[in-house]
mmCIF file of all heavy atoms, coordinates in Angstrom:
data_MODEL
# 
_entry.id   MODEL 
# 
loop_
_atom_site.group_PDB 
_atom_site.id 
_atom_site.type_symbol 
_atom_site.label_atom_id 
_atom_site.label_alt_id 
_atom_site.label_comp_id 
_atom_site.label_asym_id 
_atom_site.label_entity_id 
_atom_site.label_seq_id 
_atom_site.pdbx_PDB_ins_code 
_atom_site.Cartn_x 
_atom_site.Cartn_y 
_atom_site.Cartn_z 
_atom_site.occupancy 
_atom_site.B_iso_or_equiv 
_atom_site.pdbx_formal_charge 
_atom_site.auth_seq_id 
_atom_site.auth_comp_id 
_atom_site.auth_asym_id 
_atom_site.auth_atom_id 
_atom_site.pdbx_PDB_model_num 
ATOM 1   N N   . ALA A 1 1  ? 110.770 92.048  90.243  1.00 0.00 ? 1  ALA A N   1 
ATOM 2   C CA  . ALA A 1 1  ? 109.520 91.470  90.737  1.00 0.00 ? 1  ALA A CA  1 
ATOM 3   C C   . ALA A 1 1  ? 109.375 90.006  90.349  1.00 0.00 ? 1  ALA A C   1 
ATOM 4   O O   . ALA A 1 1  ? 108.563 89.298  90.938  1.00 0.00 ? 1  ALA A O   1 
ATOM 5   C CB  . ALA A 1 1  ? 108.334 92.270  90.220  1.00 0.00 ? 1  ALA A CB  1 
ATOM 6   N N   . LYS A 1 2  ? 110.153 89.532  89.393  1.00 0.00 ? 2  LYS A N   1 
ATOM 7   C CA  . LYS A 1 2  ? 110.045 88.132  88.980  1.00 0.00 ? 2  LYS A CA  1 
ATOM 8   C C   . LYS A 1 2  ? 110.390 87.183  90.112  1.00 0.00 ? 2  LYS A C   1 
ATOM 9   O O   . LYS A 1 2  ? 109.869 86.084  90.183  1.00 0.00 ? 2  LYS A O   1 
ATOM 10  C CB  . LYS A 1 2  ? 110.970 87.863  87.785  1.00 0.00 ? 2  LYS A CB  1 
ATOM 11  C CG  . LYS A 1 2  ? 110.466 88.458  86.501  1.00 0.00 ? 2  LYS A CG  1 
ATOM 12  C CD  . LYS A 1 2  ? 111.410 88.157  85.359  1.00 0.00 ? 2  LYS A CD  1 
ATOM 13  C CE  . LYS A 1 2  ? 110.914 88.783  84.075  1.00 0.00 ? 2  LYS A CE  1 
ATOM 14  N NZ  . LYS A 1 2  ? 111.816 88.537  82.957  1.00 0.00 ? 2  LYS A NZ  1 
ATOM 15  N N   . ASP A 1 3  ? 111.274 87.592  91.023  1.00 0.00 ? 3  ASP A N   1 
ATOM 16  C CA  . ASP A 1 3  ? 111.720 86.733  92.117  1.00 0.00 ? 3  ASP A CA  1 
ATOM 17  C C   . ASP A 1 3  ? 110.800 86.801  93.330  1.00 0.00 ? 3  ASP A C   1 
ATOM 18  O O   . ASP A 1 3  ? 110.951 86.010  94.253  1.00 0.00 ? 3  ASP A O   1 
ATOM 19  C CB  . ASP A 1 3  ? 113.139 87.114  92.532  1.00 0.00 ? 3  ASP A CB  1 
ATOM 20  C CG  . ASP A 1 3  ? 114.130 86.937  91.396  1.00 0.00 ? 3  ASP A CG  1 
ATOM 21  O OD1 . ASP A 1 3  ? 113.878 86.081  90.524  1.00 0.00 ? 3  ASP A OD1 1 
ATOM 22  O OD2 . ASP A 1 3  ? 115.150 87.656  91.380  1.00 0.00 ? 3  ASP A OD2 1 
ATOM 23  N N   . ARG A 1 4  ? 109.874 87.743  93.358  1.00 0.00 ? 4  ARG A N   1 
ATOM 24  C CA  . ARG A 1 4  ? 108.998 87.907  94.521  1.00 0.00 ? 4  ARG A CA  1 
ATOM 25  C C   . ARG A 1 4  ? 107.961 86.800  94.586  1.00 0.00 ? 4  ARG A C   1 
ATOM 26  O O   . ARG A 1 4  ? 107.391 86.401  93.587  1.00 0.00 ? 4  ARG A O   1 
ATOM 27  C CB  . ARG A 1 4  ? 108.294 89.258  94.467  1.00 0.00 ? 4  ARG A CB  1 
ATOM 28  C CG  . ARG A 1 4  ? 109.258 90.417  94.628  1.00 0.00 ? 4  ARG A CG  1 
ATOM 29  C CD  . ARG A 1 4  ? 108.550 91.715  94.652  1.00 0.00 ? 4  ARG A CD  1 
ATOM 30  N NE  . ARG A 1 4  ? 107.805 91.800  95.907  1.00 0.00 ? 4  ARG A NE  1 
ATOM 31  C CZ  . ARG A 1 4  ? 107.041 92.806  96.213  1.00 0.00 ? 4  ARG A CZ  1 
ATOM 32  N NH1 . ARG A 1 4  ? 106.912 93.816  95.401  1.00 0.00 ? 4  ARG A NH1 1 
ATOM 33  N NH2 . ARG A 1 4  ? 106.395 92.832  97.357  1.00 0.00 ? 4  ARG A NH2 1 
ATOM 34  N N   . LYS A 1 5  ? 107.721 86.324  95.772  1.00 0.00 ? 5  LYS A N   1 
ATOM 35  C CA  . LYS A 1 5  ? 106.732 85.268  95.987  1.00 0.00 ? 5  LYS A CA  1 
ATOM 36  C C   . LYS A 1 5  ? 105.348 85.850  96.272  1.00 0.00 ? 5  LYS A C   1 
ATOM 37  O O   . LYS A 1 5  ? 104.350 85.282  95.891  1.00 0.00 ? 5  LYS A O   1 
ATOM 38  C CB  . LYS A 1 5  ? 107.150 84.383  97.171  1.00 0.00 ? 5  LYS A CB  1 
ATOM 39  C CG  . LYS A 1 5  ? 108.529 83.768  97.015  1.00 0.00 ? 5  LYS A CG  1 
ATOM 40  C CD  . LYS A 1 5  ? 108.527 82.691  95.972  1.00 0.00 ? 5  LYS A CD  1 
ATOM 41  C CE  . LYS A 1 5  ? 109.862 82.002  95.932  1.00 0.00 ? 5  LYS A CE  1 
ATOM 42  N NZ  . LYS A 1 5  ? 110.554 82.068  94.691  1.00 0.00 ? 5  LYS A NZ  1 
ATOM 43  N N   . GLU A 1 6  ? 105.307 86.967  96.987  1.00 0.00 ? 6  GLU A N   1 
ATOM 44  C CA  . GLU A 1 6  ? 104.028 87.543  97.388  1.00 0.00 ? 6  GLU A CA  1 
ATOM 45  C C   . GLU A 1 6  ? 103.511 88.477  96.293  1.00 0.00 ? 6  GLU A C   1 
ATOM 46  O O   . GLU A 1 6  ? 104.286 89.086  95.569  1.00 0.00 ? 6  GLU A O   1 
ATOM 47  C CB  . GLU A 1 6  ? 104.176 88.313  98.700  1.00 0.00 ? 6  GLU A CB  1 
ATOM 48  C CG  . GLU A 1 6  ? 105.160 89.461  98.613  1.00 0.00 ? 6  GLU A CG  1 
ATOM 49  C CD  . GLU A 1 6  ? 105.606 89.952  99.955  1.00 0.00 ? 6  GLU A CD  1 
ATOM 50  O OE1 . GLU A 1 6  ? 105.822 89.125  100.848 1.00 0.00 ? 6  GLU A OE1 1 
ATOM 51  O OE2 . GLU A 1 6  ? 105.750 91.166  100.094 1.00 0.00 ? 6  GLU A OE2 1 
ATOM 52  N N   . PRO A 1 7  ? 102.198 88.567  96.153  1.00 0.00 ? 7  PRO A N   1 
ATOM 53  C CA  . PRO A 1 7  ? 101.651 89.442  95.106  1.00 0.00 ? 7  PRO A CA  1 
ATOM 54  C C   . PRO A 1 7  ? 101.881 90.910  95.448  1.00 0.00 ? 7  PRO A C   1 
ATOM 55  O O   . PRO A 1 7  ? 101.985 91.281  96.622  1.00 0.00 ? 7  PRO A O   1 
ATOM 56  C CB  . PRO A 1 7  ? 100.158 89.110  95.107  1.00 0.00 ? 7  PRO A CB  1 
ATOM 57  C CG  . PRO A 1 7  ? 99.893  88.556  96.471  1.00 0.00 ? 7  PRO A CG  1 
ATOM 58  C CD  . PRO A 1 7  ? 101.165 87.888  96.915  1.00 0.00 ? 7  PRO A CD  1 
ATOM 59  N N   . ALA A 1 8  ? 101.951 91.733  94.430  1.00 0.00 ? 8  ALA A N   1 
ATOM 60  C CA  . ALA A 1 8  ? 102.152 93.167  94.621  1.00 0.00 ? 8  ALA A CA  1 
ATOM 61  C C   . ALA A 1 8  ? 100.866 93.789  95.149  1.00 0.00 ? 8  ALA A C   1 
ATOM 62  O O   . ALA A 1 8  ? 99.762  93.316  94.880  1.00 0.00 ? 8  ALA A O   1 
ATOM 63  C CB  . ALA A 1 8  ? 102.550 93.826  93.305  1.00 0.00 ? 8  ALA A CB  1 
ATOM 64  N N   . TRP A 1 9  ? 101.013 94.859  95.899  1.00 0.00 ? 9  TRP A N   1 
ATOM 65  C CA  . TRP A 1 9  ? 99.862  95.560  96.448  1.00 0.00 ? 9  TRP A CA  1 
ATOM 66  C C   . TRP A 1 9  ? 99.180  96.356  95.346  1.00 0.00 ? 9  TRP A C   1 
ATOM 67  O O   . TRP A 1 9  ? 99.836  96.995  94.526  1.00 0.00 ? 9  TRP A O   1 
ATOM 68  C CB  . TRP A 1 9  ? 100.318 96.494  97.574  1.00 0.00 ? 9  TRP A CB  1 
ATOM 69  C CG  . TRP A 1 9  ? 99.196  97.276  98.159  1.00 0.00 ? 9  TRP A CG  1 
ATOM 70  C CD1 . TRP A 1 9  ? 98.302  96.852  99.089  1.00 0.00 ? 9  TRP A CD1 1 
ATOM 71  C CD2 . TRP A 1 9  ? 98.842  98.636  97.865  1.00 0.00 ? 9  TRP A CD2 1 
ATOM 72  N NE1 . TRP A 1 9  ? 97.418  97.842  99.387  1.00 0.00 ? 9  TRP A NE1 1 
ATOM 73  C CE2 . TRP A 1 9  ? 97.725  98.945  98.652  1.00 0.00 ? 9  TRP A CE2 1 
ATOM 74  C CE3 . TRP A 1 9  ? 99.347  99.601  97.008  1.00 0.00 ? 9  TRP A CE3 1 
ATOM 75  C CZ2 . TRP A 1 9  ? 97.117  100.189 98.610  1.00 0.00 ? 9  TRP A CZ2 1 
ATOM 76  C CZ3 . TRP A 1 9  ? 98.739  100.837 96.969  1.00 0.00 ? 9  TRP A CZ3 1 
ATOM 77  C CH2 . TRP A 1 9  ? 97.633  101.124 97.769  1.00 0.00 ? 9  TRP A CH2 1 
ATOM 78  N N   . ARG A 1 10 ? 97.881  96.278  95.290  1.00 0.00 ? 10 ARG A N   1 
ATOM 79  C CA  . ARG A 1 10 ? 97.105  97.041  94.324  1.00 0.00 ? 10 ARG A CA  1 
ATOM 80  C C   . ARG A 1 10 ? 96.026  97.816  95.070  1.00 0.00 ? 10 ARG A C   1 
ATOM 81  O O   . ARG A 1 10 ? 95.337  97.254  95.917  1.00 0.00 ? 10 ARG A O   1 
ATOM 82  C CB  . ARG A 1 10 ? 96.425  96.121  93.308  1.00 0.00 ? 10 ARG A CB  1 
ATOM 83  C CG  . ARG A 1 10 ? 97.371  95.292  92.485  1.00 0.00 ? 10 ARG A CG  1 
ATOM 84  C CD  . ARG A 1 10 ? 98.033  96.155  91.410  1.00 0.00 ? 10 ARG A CD  1 
ATOM 85  N NE  . ARG A 1 10 ? 98.816  95.365  90.490  1.00 0.00 ? 10 ARG A NE  1 
ATOM 86  C CZ  . ARG A 1 10 ? 100.112 95.151  90.614  1.00 0.00 ? 10 ARG A CZ  1 
ATOM 87  N NH1 . ARG A 1 10 ? 100.758 95.644  91.629  1.00 0.00 ? 10 ARG A NH1 1 
ATOM 88  N NH2 . ARG A 1 10 ? 100.761 94.443  89.722  1.00 0.00 ? 10 ARG A NH2 1 
ATOM 89  N N   . PRO A 1 11 ? 95.844  99.086  94.761  1.00 0.00 ? 11 PRO A N   1 
ATOM 90  C CA  . PRO A 1 11 ? 94.785  99.855  95.426  1.00 0.00 ? 11 PRO A CA  1 
ATOM 91  C C   . PRO A 1 11 ? 93.412  99.388  94.968  1.00 0.00 ? 11 PRO A C   1 
ATOM 92  O O   . PRO A 1 11 ? 93.238  98.989  93.818  1.00 0.00 ? 11 PRO A O   1 
ATOM 93  C CB  . PRO A 1 11 ? 95.056  101.293 94.991  1.00 0.00 ? 11 PRO A CB  1 
ATOM 94  C CG  . PRO A 1 11 ? 95.825  101.177 93.721  1.00 0.00 ? 11 PRO A CG  1 
ATOM 95  C CD  . PRO A 1 11 ? 96.611  99.898  93.821  1.00 0.00 ? 11 PRO A CD  1 
ATOM 96  N N   . SER A 1 12 ? 92.448  99.442  95.891  1.00 0.00 ? 12 SER A N   1 
ATOM 97  C CA  . SER A 1 12 ? 91.088  99.017  95.572  1.00 0.00 ? 12 SER A CA  1 
ATOM 98  C C   . SER A 1 12 ? 90.252  100.170 95.038  1.00 0.00 ? 12 SER A C   1 
ATOM 99  O O   . SER A 1 12 ? 89.194  99.950  94.474  1.00 0.00 ? 12 SER A O   1 
ATOM 100 C CB  . SER A 1 12 ? 90.418  98.454  96.830  1.00 0.00 ? 12 SER A CB  1 
ATOM 101 O OG  . SER A 1 12 ? 90.195  99.503  97.767  1.00 0.00 ? 12 SER A OG  1 
ATOM 102 N N   . GLY A 1 13 ? 90.715  101.389 95.266  1.00 0.00 ? 13 GLY A N   1 
ATOM 103 C CA  . GLY A 1 13 ? 89.933  102.553 94.864  1.00 0.00 ? 13 GLY A CA  1 
ATOM 104 C C   . GLY A 1 13 ? 89.176  103.161 96.030  1.00 0.00 ? 13 GLY A C   1 
ATOM 105 O O   . GLY A 1 13 ? 88.602  104.228 95.914  1.00 0.00 ? 13 GLY A O   1 
ATOM 106 N N   . ILE A 1 14 ? 89.160  102.463 97.156  1.00 0.00 ? 14 ILE A N   1 
ATOM 107 C CA  . ILE A 1 14 ? 88.497  102.973 98.356  1.00 0.00 ? 14 ILE A CA  1 
ATOM 108 C C   . ILE A 1 14 ? 89.608  103.290 99.354  1.00 0.00 ? 14 ILE A C   1 
ATOM 109 O O   . ILE A 1 14 ? 90.219  102.371 99.915  1.00 0.00 ? 14 ILE A O   1 
ATOM 110 C CB  . ILE A 1 14 ? 87.507  101.943 98.935  1.00 0.00 ? 14 ILE A CB  1 
ATOM 111 C CG1 . ILE A 1 14 ? 86.478  101.565 97.866  1.00 0.00 ? 14 ILE A CG1 1 
ATOM 112 C CG2 . ILE A 1 14 ? 86.832  102.487 100.183 1.00 0.00 ? 14 ILE A CG2 1 
ATOM 113 C CD1 . ILE A 1 14 ? 85.618  100.380 98.228  1.00 0.00 ? 14 ILE A CD1 1 
ATOM 114 N N   . PRO A 1 15 ? 89.892  104.581 99.580  1.00 0.00 ? 15 PRO A N   1 
ATOM 115 C CA  . PRO A 1 15 ? 91.049  104.955 100.408 1.00 0.00 ? 15 PRO A CA  1 
ATOM 116 C C   . PRO A 1 15 ? 91.051  104.317 101.795 1.00 0.00 ? 15 PRO A C   1 
ATOM 117 O O   . PRO A 1 15 ? 92.101  103.889 102.267 1.00 0.00 ? 15 PRO A O   1 
ATOM 118 C CB  . PRO A 1 15 ? 90.954  106.471 100.503 1.00 0.00 ? 15 PRO A CB  1 
ATOM 119 C CG  . PRO A 1 15 ? 90.176  106.886 99.304  1.00 0.00 ? 15 PRO A CG  1 
ATOM 120 C CD  . PRO A 1 15 ? 89.226  105.752 99.028  1.00 0.00 ? 15 PRO A CD  1 
ATOM 121 N N   . GLU A 1 16 ? 89.895  104.238 102.449 1.00 0.00 ? 16 GLU A N   1 
ATOM 122 C CA  . GLU A 1 16 ? 89.847  103.666 103.795 1.00 0.00 ? 16 GLU A CA  1 
ATOM 123 C C   . GLU A 1 16 ? 90.295  102.208 103.777 1.00 0.00 ? 16 GLU A C   1 
ATOM 124 O O   . GLU A 1 16 ? 91.058  101.774 104.637 1.00 0.00 ? 16 GLU A O   1 
ATOM 125 C CB  . GLU A 1 16 ? 88.427  103.759 104.386 1.00 0.00 ? 16 GLU A CB  1 
ATOM 126 C CG  . GLU A 1 16 ? 87.945  105.172 104.633 1.00 0.00 ? 16 GLU A CG  1 
ATOM 127 C CD  . GLU A 1 16 ? 87.344  105.832 103.395 1.00 0.00 ? 16 GLU A CD  1 
ATOM 128 O OE1 . GLU A 1 16 ? 87.113  105.137 102.373 1.00 0.00 ? 16 GLU A OE1 1 
ATOM 129 O OE2 . GLU A 1 16 ? 87.135  107.049 103.432 1.00 0.00 ? 16 GLU A OE2 1 
ATOM 130 N N   . GLU A 1 17 ? 89.821  101.450 102.783 1.00 0.00 ? 17 GLU A N   1 
ATOM 131 C CA  . GLU A 1 17 ? 90.212  100.036 102.694 1.00 0.00 ? 17 GLU A CA  1 
ATOM 132 C C   . GLU A 1 17 ? 91.688  99.893  102.344 1.00 0.00 ? 17 GLU A C   1 
ATOM 133 O O   . GLU A 1 17 ? 92.363  99.000  102.848 1.00 0.00 ? 17 GLU A O   1 
ATOM 134 C CB  . GLU A 1 17 ? 89.355  99.310  101.664 1.00 0.00 ? 17 GLU A CB  1 
ATOM 135 C CG  . GLU A 1 17 ? 87.936  99.065  102.131 1.00 0.00 ? 17 GLU A CG  1 
ATOM 136 C CD  . GLU A 1 17 ? 87.127  98.291  101.102 1.00 0.00 ? 17 GLU A CD  1 
ATOM 137 O OE1 . GLU A 1 17 ? 87.717  97.720  100.164 1.00 0.00 ? 17 GLU A OE1 1 
ATOM 138 O OE2 . GLU A 1 17 ? 85.901  98.263  101.256 1.00 0.00 ? 17 GLU A OE2 1 
ATOM 139 N N   . ASP A 1 18 ? 92.173  100.780 101.462 1.00 0.00 ? 18 ASP A N   1 
ATOM 140 C CA  . ASP A 1 18 ? 93.584  100.721 101.077 1.00 0.00 ? 18 ASP A CA  1 
ATOM 141 C C   . ASP A 1 18 ? 94.486  100.979 102.272 1.00 0.00 ? 18 ASP A C   1 
ATOM 142 O O   . ASP A 1 18 ? 95.465  100.268 102.485 1.00 0.00 ? 18 ASP A O   1 
ATOM 143 C CB  . ASP A 1 18 ? 93.890  101.735 99.970  1.00 0.00 ? 18 ASP A CB  1 
ATOM 144 C CG  . ASP A 1 18 ? 93.182  101.391 98.664  1.00 0.00 ? 18 ASP A CG  1 
ATOM 145 O OD1 . ASP A 1 18 ? 92.764  100.235 98.505  1.00 0.00 ? 18 ASP A OD1 1 
ATOM 146 O OD2 . ASP A 1 18 ? 93.059  102.296 97.817  1.00 0.00 ? 18 ASP A OD2 1 
ATOM 147 N N   . VAL A 1 19 ? 94.142  102.000 103.056 1.00 0.00 ? 19 VAL A N   1 
ATOM 148 C CA  . VAL A 1 19 ? 94.938  102.315 104.242 1.00 0.00 ? 19 VAL A CA  1 
ATOM 149 C C   . VAL A 1 19 ? 94.841  101.177 105.244 1.00 0.00 ? 19 VAL A C   1 
ATOM 150 O O   . VAL A 1 19 ? 95.846  100.752 105.812 1.00 0.00 ? 19 VAL A O   1 
ATOM 151 C CB  . VAL A 1 19 ? 94.474  103.653 104.874 1.00 0.00 ? 19 VAL A CB  1 
ATOM 152 C CG1 . VAL A 1 19 ? 95.091  103.859 106.237 1.00 0.00 ? 19 VAL A CG1 1 
ATOM 153 C CG2 . VAL A 1 19 ? 94.823  104.814 103.957 1.00 0.00 ? 19 VAL A CG2 1 
ATOM 154 N N   . ARG A 1 20 ? 93.629  100.667 105.434 1.00 0.00 ? 20 ARG A N   1 
ATOM 155 C CA  . ARG A 1 20 ? 93.435  99.577  106.389 1.00 0.00 ? 20 ARG A CA  1 
ATOM 156 C C   . ARG A 1 20 ? 94.237  98.348  105.967 1.00 0.00 ? 20 ARG A C   1 
ATOM 157 O O   . ARG A 1 20 ? 94.921  97.737  106.784 1.00 0.00 ? 20 ARG A O   1 
ATOM 158 C CB  . ARG A 1 20 ? 91.946  99.237  106.490 1.00 0.00 ? 20 ARG A CB  1 
ATOM 159 C CG  . ARG A 1 20 ? 91.619  98.287  107.612 1.00 0.00 ? 20 ARG A CG  1 
ATOM 160 C CD  . ARG A 1 20 ? 90.116  98.000  107.763 1.00 0.00 ? 20 ARG A CD  1 
ATOM 161 N NE  . ARG A 1 20 ? 89.329  99.209  107.845 1.00 0.00 ? 20 ARG A NE  1 
ATOM 162 C CZ  . ARG A 1 20 ? 88.409  99.566  106.931 1.00 0.00 ? 20 ARG A CZ  1 
ATOM 163 N NH1 . ARG A 1 20 ? 88.155  98.804  105.893 1.00 0.00 ? 20 ARG A NH1 1 
ATOM 164 N NH2 . ARG A 1 20 ? 87.742  100.692 107.071 1.00 0.00 ? 20 ARG A NH2 1 
ATOM 165 N N   . SER A 1 21 ? 94.185  97.996  104.679 1.00 0.00 ? 21 SER A N   1 
ATOM 166 C CA  . SER A 1 21 ? 94.887  96.796  104.226 1.00 0.00 ? 21 SER A CA  1 
ATOM 167 C C   . SER A 1 21 ? 96.399  96.938  104.360 1.00 0.00 ? 21 SER A C   1 
ATOM 168 O O   . SER A 1 21 ? 97.106  95.956  104.509 1.00 0.00 ? 21 SER A O   1 
ATOM 169 C CB  . SER A 1 21 ? 94.514  96.477  102.779 1.00 0.00 ? 21 SER A CB  1 
ATOM 170 O OG  . SER A 1 21 ? 95.069  97.425  101.902 1.00 0.00 ? 21 SER A OG  1 
ATOM 171 N N   . THR A 1 22 ? 96.878  98.169  104.303 1.00 0.00 ? 22 THR A N   1 
ATOM 172 C CA  . THR A 1 22 ? 98.312  98.400  104.439 1.00 0.00 ? 22 THR A CA  1 
ATOM 173 C C   . THR A 1 22 ? 98.727  98.522  105.900 1.00 0.00 ? 22 THR A C   1 
ATOM 174 O O   . THR A 1 22 ? 99.743  97.969  106.315 1.00 0.00 ? 22 THR A O   1 
ATOM 175 C CB  . THR A 1 22 ? 98.716  99.685  103.694 1.00 0.00 ? 22 THR A CB  1 
ATOM 176 O OG1 . THR A 1 22 ? 98.326  99.563  102.339 1.00 0.00 ? 22 THR A OG1 1 
ATOM 177 C CG2 . THR A 1 22 ? 100.200 99.925  103.772 1.00 0.00 ? 22 THR A CG2 1 
ATOM 178 N N   . MET A 1 23 ? 97.941  99.237  106.691 1.00 0.00 ? 23 MET A N   1 
ATOM 179 C CA  . MET A 1 23 ? 98.333  99.562  108.051 1.00 0.00 ? 23 MET A CA  1 
ATOM 180 C C   . MET A 1 23 ? 97.999  98.477  109.070 1.00 0.00 ? 23 MET A C   1 
ATOM 181 O O   . MET A 1 23 ? 98.729  98.311  110.044 1.00 0.00 ? 23 MET A O   1 
ATOM 182 C CB  . MET A 1 23 ? 97.681  100.883 108.478 1.00 0.00 ? 23 MET A CB  1 
ATOM 183 C CG  . MET A 1 23 ? 98.115  102.080 107.644 1.00 0.00 ? 23 MET A CG  1 
ATOM 184 S SD  . MET A 1 23 ? 99.886  102.321 107.553 1.00 0.00 ? 23 MET A SD  1 
ATOM 185 C CE  . MET A 1 23 ? 100.256 102.813 109.213 1.00 0.00 ? 23 MET A CE  1 
ATOM 186 N N   . VAL A 1 24 ? 96.927  97.730  108.876 1.00 0.00 ? 24 VAL A N   1 
ATOM 187 C CA  . VAL A 1 24 ? 96.535  96.724  109.871 1.00 0.00 ? 24 VAL A CA  1 
ATOM 188 C C   . VAL A 1 24 ? 97.639  95.693  110.086 1.00 0.00 ? 24 VAL A C   1 
ATOM 189 O O   . VAL A 1 24 ? 97.993  95.402  111.240 1.00 0.00 ? 24 VAL A O   1 
ATOM 190 C CB  . VAL A 1 24 ? 95.180  96.074  109.500 1.00 0.00 ? 24 VAL A CB  1 
ATOM 191 C CG1 . VAL A 1 24 ? 94.934  94.808  110.303 1.00 0.00 ? 24 VAL A CG1 1 
ATOM 192 C CG2 . VAL A 1 24 ? 94.056  97.074  109.727 1.00 0.00 ? 24 VAL A CG2 1 
ATOM 193 N N   . PRO A 1 25 ? 98.230  95.109  109.029 1.00 0.00 ? 25 PRO A N   1 
ATOM 194 C CA  . PRO A 1 25 ? 99.316  94.161  109.297 1.00 0.00 ? 25 PRO A CA  1 
ATOM 195 C C   . PRO A 1 25 ? 100.489 94.799  110.051 1.00 0.00 ? 25 PRO A C   1 
ATOM 196 O O   . PRO A 1 25 ? 101.062 94.172  110.951 1.00 0.00 ? 25 PRO A O   1 
ATOM 197 C CB  . PRO A 1 25 ? 99.760  93.715  107.894 1.00 0.00 ? 25 PRO A CB  1 
ATOM 198 C CG  . PRO A 1 25 ? 98.598  93.982  107.018 1.00 0.00 ? 25 PRO A CG  1 
ATOM 199 C CD  . PRO A 1 25 ? 97.905  95.161  107.607 1.00 0.00 ? 25 PRO A CD  1 
ATOM 200 N N   . TYR A 1 26 ? 100.806 96.042  109.706 1.00 0.00 ? 26 TYR A N   1 
ATOM 201 C CA  . TYR A 1 26 ? 101.885 96.746  110.415 1.00 0.00 ? 26 TYR A CA  1 
ATOM 202 C C   . TYR A 1 26 ? 101.523 96.919  111.880 1.00 0.00 ? 26 TYR A C   1 
ATOM 203 O O   . TYR A 1 26 ? 102.340 96.640  112.770 1.00 0.00 ? 26 TYR A O   1 
ATOM 204 C CB  . TYR A 1 26 ? 102.147 98.099  109.760 1.00 0.00 ? 26 TYR A CB  1 
ATOM 205 C CG  . TYR A 1 26 ? 103.025 98.994  110.591 1.00 0.00 ? 26 TYR A CG  1 
ATOM 206 C CD1 . TYR A 1 26 ? 104.398 98.795  110.659 1.00 0.00 ? 26 TYR A CD1 1 
ATOM 207 C CD2 . TYR A 1 26 ? 102.465 100.026 111.345 1.00 0.00 ? 26 TYR A CD2 1 
ATOM 208 C CE1 . TYR A 1 26 ? 105.202 99.598  111.439 1.00 0.00 ? 26 TYR A CE1 1 
ATOM 209 C CE2 . TYR A 1 26 ? 103.266 100.836 112.126 1.00 0.00 ? 26 TYR A CE2 1 
ATOM 210 C CZ  . TYR A 1 26 ? 104.626 100.627 112.171 1.00 0.00 ? 26 TYR A CZ  1 
ATOM 211 O OH  . TYR A 1 26 ? 105.417 101.423 112.956 1.00 0.00 ? 26 TYR A OH  1 
# 
């Protein structure tokens, strides 16, 4: 992970938002 430029994904605790934040870009 030291070489990664983008931040790691972290869950917000709200499943709908987590799914949305992951799936919308896809």
